[in-house]
Protein backbone atom coordinates (compact mmCIF):
# COMPACT_ATOMS: atom_id res chain seq x y z
CA MET A 1 0.00 0.00 0.00
CA ASP A 2 2.77 2.43 0.97
CA ARG A 3 4.65 1.62 -2.23
CA LYS A 4 1.58 2.32 -4.36
CA LEU A 5 0.98 5.55 -2.48
CA ARG A 6 4.54 6.72 -3.08
CA ARG A 7 4.18 6.02 -6.80
CA TRP A 8 0.93 7.93 -6.89
CA GLU A 9 2.50 10.84 -5.04
CA LEU A 10 5.47 10.82 -7.41
CA ALA A 11 3.18 10.80 -10.45
CA LEU A 12 1.20 13.70 -8.99
CA MET A 13 4.34 15.70 -8.28
CA LEU A 14 5.72 15.06 -11.75
CA GLY A 15 2.39 16.03 -13.29
CA ALA A 16 2.25 19.24 -11.26
CA ALA A 17 5.83 20.11 -12.20
CA LEU A 18 5.13 19.46 -15.87
CA ALA A 19 1.99 21.61 -15.70
CA LEU A 20 3.98 24.47 -14.14
CA VAL A 21 6.70 24.28 -16.78
CA LEU A 22 4.18 24.00 -19.61
CA GLY A 23 2.11 26.81 -18.13
CA ALA A 24 5.11 29.10 -17.90
CA TRP A 25 6.08 28.35 -21.50
CA LEU A 26 2.56 28.75 -22.88
CA GLY A 27 2.05 31.92 -20.87
CA GLY A 28 5.28 33.35 -22.20
CA GLU A 29 4.25 32.54 -25.78
CA GLN A 30 0.89 34.27 -25.30
CA ARG A 31 2.39 37.36 -23.68
CA ALA A 32 4.95 37.67 -26.47
CA LEU A 33 2.17 37.55 -29.07
CA ALA A 34 0.01 39.95 -27.08
CA GLY A 35 2.86 42.45 -27.06
CA ARG A 36 2.70 42.65 -30.87
CA VAL A 37 -1.01 43.03 -31.60
CA VAL A 38 -4.04 45.21 -30.96
CA ARG A 39 -7.23 43.18 -31.07
CA LEU A 40 -10.65 44.44 -32.17
CA HIS A 41 -13.63 43.65 -29.94
CA VAL A 42 -17.15 44.66 -31.03
CA ILE A 43 -19.96 43.86 -28.59
CA ALA A 44 -23.63 43.86 -29.60
CA ASN A 45 -26.41 45.34 -27.51
CA SER A 46 -28.11 41.94 -27.24
CA ASP A 47 -28.35 38.56 -28.95
CA SER A 48 -31.47 39.45 -30.91
CA ALA A 49 -31.21 38.93 -34.67
CA ARG A 50 -31.54 42.68 -35.23
CA ASP A 51 -28.81 43.60 -32.76
CA GLN A 52 -26.47 40.93 -34.08
CA ALA A 53 -26.93 42.19 -37.65
CA LEU A 54 -26.39 45.75 -36.42
CA LYS A 55 -23.17 44.64 -34.70
CA LEU A 56 -21.74 43.49 -38.03
CA ALA A 57 -22.77 46.73 -39.72
CA VAL A 58 -21.14 48.75 -36.94
CA ARG A 59 -18.04 46.58 -37.28
CA ASP A 60 -17.82 47.45 -40.96
CA GLY A 61 -18.22 51.16 -40.22
CA VAL A 62 -15.54 51.15 -37.55
CA LEU A 63 -13.14 49.08 -39.67
CA SER A 64 -13.61 51.45 -42.59
CA ARG A 65 -12.63 54.40 -40.39
CA ALA A 66 -9.76 52.53 -38.73
CA GLU A 67 -8.37 51.58 -42.13
CA ALA A 68 -7.80 55.26 -42.88
CA LEU A 69 -6.01 56.00 -39.61
CA TYR A 70 -2.71 54.23 -40.25
CA PRO A 71 -1.01 52.51 -43.19
CA PRO A 72 -0.27 48.77 -43.23
CA GLU A 73 3.43 49.48 -42.67
CA ALA A 74 2.78 51.45 -39.46
CA THR A 75 4.56 50.34 -36.30
CA LEU A 76 2.62 49.10 -33.28
CA ASP A 77 3.23 52.38 -31.45
CA GLN A 78 2.01 54.38 -34.43
CA ALA A 79 -1.12 52.26 -34.79
CA ARG A 80 -1.84 52.40 -31.06
CA ALA A 81 -1.41 56.19 -31.02
CA ALA A 82 -3.64 56.60 -34.08
CA LEU A 83 -6.42 54.56 -32.49
CA ALA A 84 -6.09 56.28 -29.10
CA ASP A 85 -6.18 59.74 -30.69
CA HIS A 86 -9.29 58.98 -32.76
CA LEU A 87 -11.53 57.04 -30.39
CA ASP A 88 -14.29 59.64 -30.72
CA GLU A 89 -14.16 59.34 -34.52
CA LEU A 90 -14.27 55.55 -34.36
CA ALA A 91 -17.26 55.65 -32.03
CA ALA A 92 -18.90 58.21 -34.31
CA ALA A 93 -18.40 55.91 -37.30
CA GLY A 94 -20.26 53.17 -35.46
CA GLN A 95 -22.89 55.61 -34.21
CA ALA A 96 -23.57 56.80 -37.75
CA VAL A 97 -24.41 53.22 -38.74
CA VAL A 98 -26.80 52.81 -35.79
CA ASP A 99 -28.47 56.15 -36.54
CA ALA A 100 -28.81 55.35 -40.24
CA GLN A 101 -30.65 52.15 -39.36
CA GLY A 102 -33.04 53.93 -37.03
CA GLY A 103 -31.46 52.64 -33.84
CA THR A 104 -31.18 54.51 -30.56
CA ASP A 105 -28.28 52.66 -28.94
CA ARG A 106 -25.16 54.60 -28.03
CA VAL A 107 -21.81 53.41 -29.42
CA THR A 108 -18.63 53.84 -27.38
CA ALA A 109 -15.01 53.04 -28.18
CA GLN A 110 -11.99 52.67 -25.93
CA LEU A 111 -8.49 51.28 -26.05
CA THR A 112 -8.21 48.87 -23.15
CA ARG A 113 -7.02 45.45 -22.07
CA CYS A 114 -9.45 42.54 -22.44
CA TRP A 115 -9.35 38.80 -21.91
CA PHE A 116 -9.96 36.83 -25.10
CA PRO A 117 -10.67 33.11 -25.50
CA THR A 118 -8.76 31.04 -28.04
CA LYS A 119 -9.98 32.26 -31.41
CA THR A 120 -9.48 30.72 -34.86
CA TYR A 121 -9.60 32.99 -37.89
CA ASP A 122 -9.10 32.36 -41.60
CA GLY A 123 -5.63 30.85 -41.76
CA PHE A 124 -4.45 31.58 -38.23
CA ALA A 125 -5.41 31.45 -34.56
CA LEU A 126 -4.54 33.41 -31.43
CA PRO A 127 -4.31 31.93 -27.93
CA ALA A 128 -6.49 32.87 -25.01
CA GLY A 129 -5.21 35.60 -22.71
CA GLU A 130 -5.13 39.33 -22.14
CA TYR A 131 -4.61 41.63 -25.11
CA GLU A 132 -4.76 45.33 -25.76
CA ALA A 133 -7.92 45.93 -27.75
CA LEU A 134 -10.02 48.52 -29.49
CA ARG A 135 -13.28 47.78 -27.68
CA VAL A 136 -16.48 48.98 -29.34
CA VAL A 137 -19.68 48.58 -27.31
CA ILE A 138 -23.18 49.03 -28.70
CA GLY A 139 -25.89 49.96 -26.20
CA ASP A 140 -25.88 47.70 -23.14
CA GLY A 141 -23.16 45.48 -24.60
CA ARG A 142 -24.86 42.25 -23.49
CA GLY A 143 -24.78 40.44 -26.83
CA GLN A 144 -22.29 38.15 -28.51
CA ASN A 145 -18.92 39.57 -29.48
CA TRP A 146 -17.06 39.89 -32.75
CA TRP A 147 -13.28 39.53 -32.50
CA CYS A 148 -10.45 40.16 -34.90
CA VAL A 149 -7.10 41.97 -35.11
CA ALA A 150 -6.75 45.69 -35.78
CA TYR A 151 -2.94 45.61 -35.75
CA PRO A 152 -1.28 44.14 -37.68
CA PRO A 153 -4.11 45.06 -40.07
CA LEU A 154 -5.45 41.51 -40.50
CA CYS A 155 -9.11 42.61 -40.61
CA LEU A 156 -9.07 46.07 -42.16
CA GLY A 157 -10.87 45.48 -45.44
CA ALA A 158 -8.72 46.40 -48.44
CA ALA A 159 -5.75 47.02 -46.15
CA SER A 160 -5.84 43.48 -44.72
CA GLU A 161 -2.62 41.50 -44.80
CA THR A 162 -1.68 37.91 -44.04
CA ILE A 163 0.39 36.54 -41.18
CA GLU A 164 3.19 36.00 -43.70
CA ASP A 165 2.98 39.67 -44.74
CA ALA A 166 3.11 40.71 -41.09
CA ALA A 167 6.15 38.52 -40.44
CA GLN A 168 7.97 39.95 -43.45
CA ALA A 169 7.21 43.44 -42.17
CA GLY A 170 8.68 42.55 -38.79
CA GLN A 171 5.33 42.63 -36.98
CA PHE A 172 5.70 38.96 -35.98
CA THR A 173 8.82 36.87 -35.56
CA SER A 174 9.09 33.83 -37.81
CA GLY A 175 8.50 31.63 -34.77
CA GLN A 176 5.33 33.50 -33.84
CA ALA A 177 4.09 33.33 -37.43
CA LYS A 178 4.62 29.56 -37.44
CA LEU A 179 2.89 29.22 -34.08
CA VAL A 180 -0.30 31.08 -35.01
CA THR A 181 -0.58 29.45 -38.45
CA GLY A 182 0.00 25.95 -37.10
CA ASP A 183 3.27 25.41 -38.99
CA SER A 184 4.99 24.58 -35.70
CA GLY A 185 2.41 21.96 -34.77
CA PRO A 186 -1.28 21.72 -33.79
CA TYR A 187 -1.78 25.25 -32.49
CA VAL A 188 -5.40 24.76 -31.41
CA LEU A 189 -4.31 22.08 -28.93
CA LYS A 190 -1.54 24.32 -27.59
CA PHE A 191 -3.87 27.32 -27.36
CA LYS A 192 -6.63 25.34 -25.64
CA GLY A 193 -3.97 24.29 -23.16
CA MET A 194 -3.20 27.96 -22.53
CA GLU A 195 -6.89 28.68 -22.04
CA LEU A 196 -7.36 25.79 -19.59
CA LEU A 197 -4.30 26.76 -17.58
CA GLY A 198 -5.49 30.38 -17.50
CA ARG A 199 -8.87 29.31 -16.16
CA LEU A 200 -7.25 27.08 -13.55
CA GLU A 201 -5.03 29.95 -12.44
CA GLY A 202 -8.15 32.09 -12.11
CA LEU A 203 -9.77 29.51 -9.82
CA PHE A 204 -6.82 29.54 -7.43
CA SER A 205 -6.01 33.27 -7.54
């Protein structure tokens, strides 16, 4: 019995040590990625069909305005400054869409830090964690979200670029580009691991 218990304890200790090492590595990967992007977070007033459709229209209006604020070759600091200096204009772009459709909800925009779940896009994915984000809220902001990336400009209409373009421009390292496109292995499994570890940390913090 004692021998079995010691083996069980050893397995538990090894598992805990492995989880700590893996958690530190995954957390470092996420933080390194987060330091190179500005996410876009658009939140609908509610989950009604009308509010969800309006969310997408507001998204298009905000993206159209954001596209004009900085060129694709802008640095992160330049993009961040452009967004921060034009938050009123970005909110107004969304508000114009709401007003044009006869809505009464107020649209607000801020540059803040938000927690994002693991999210898969067309050709790449980003791990769960905290990111700086352009956060656009419509009305009460109780509806489903729309997520993408404002910098590098991966979601800015005609100005959109690929992960490969961003890596060539120095916006991602080659290792980060391989990680988010899955070239370094099954990224969804790695990113779900990050998300699980983050949730576990939240339970014990």
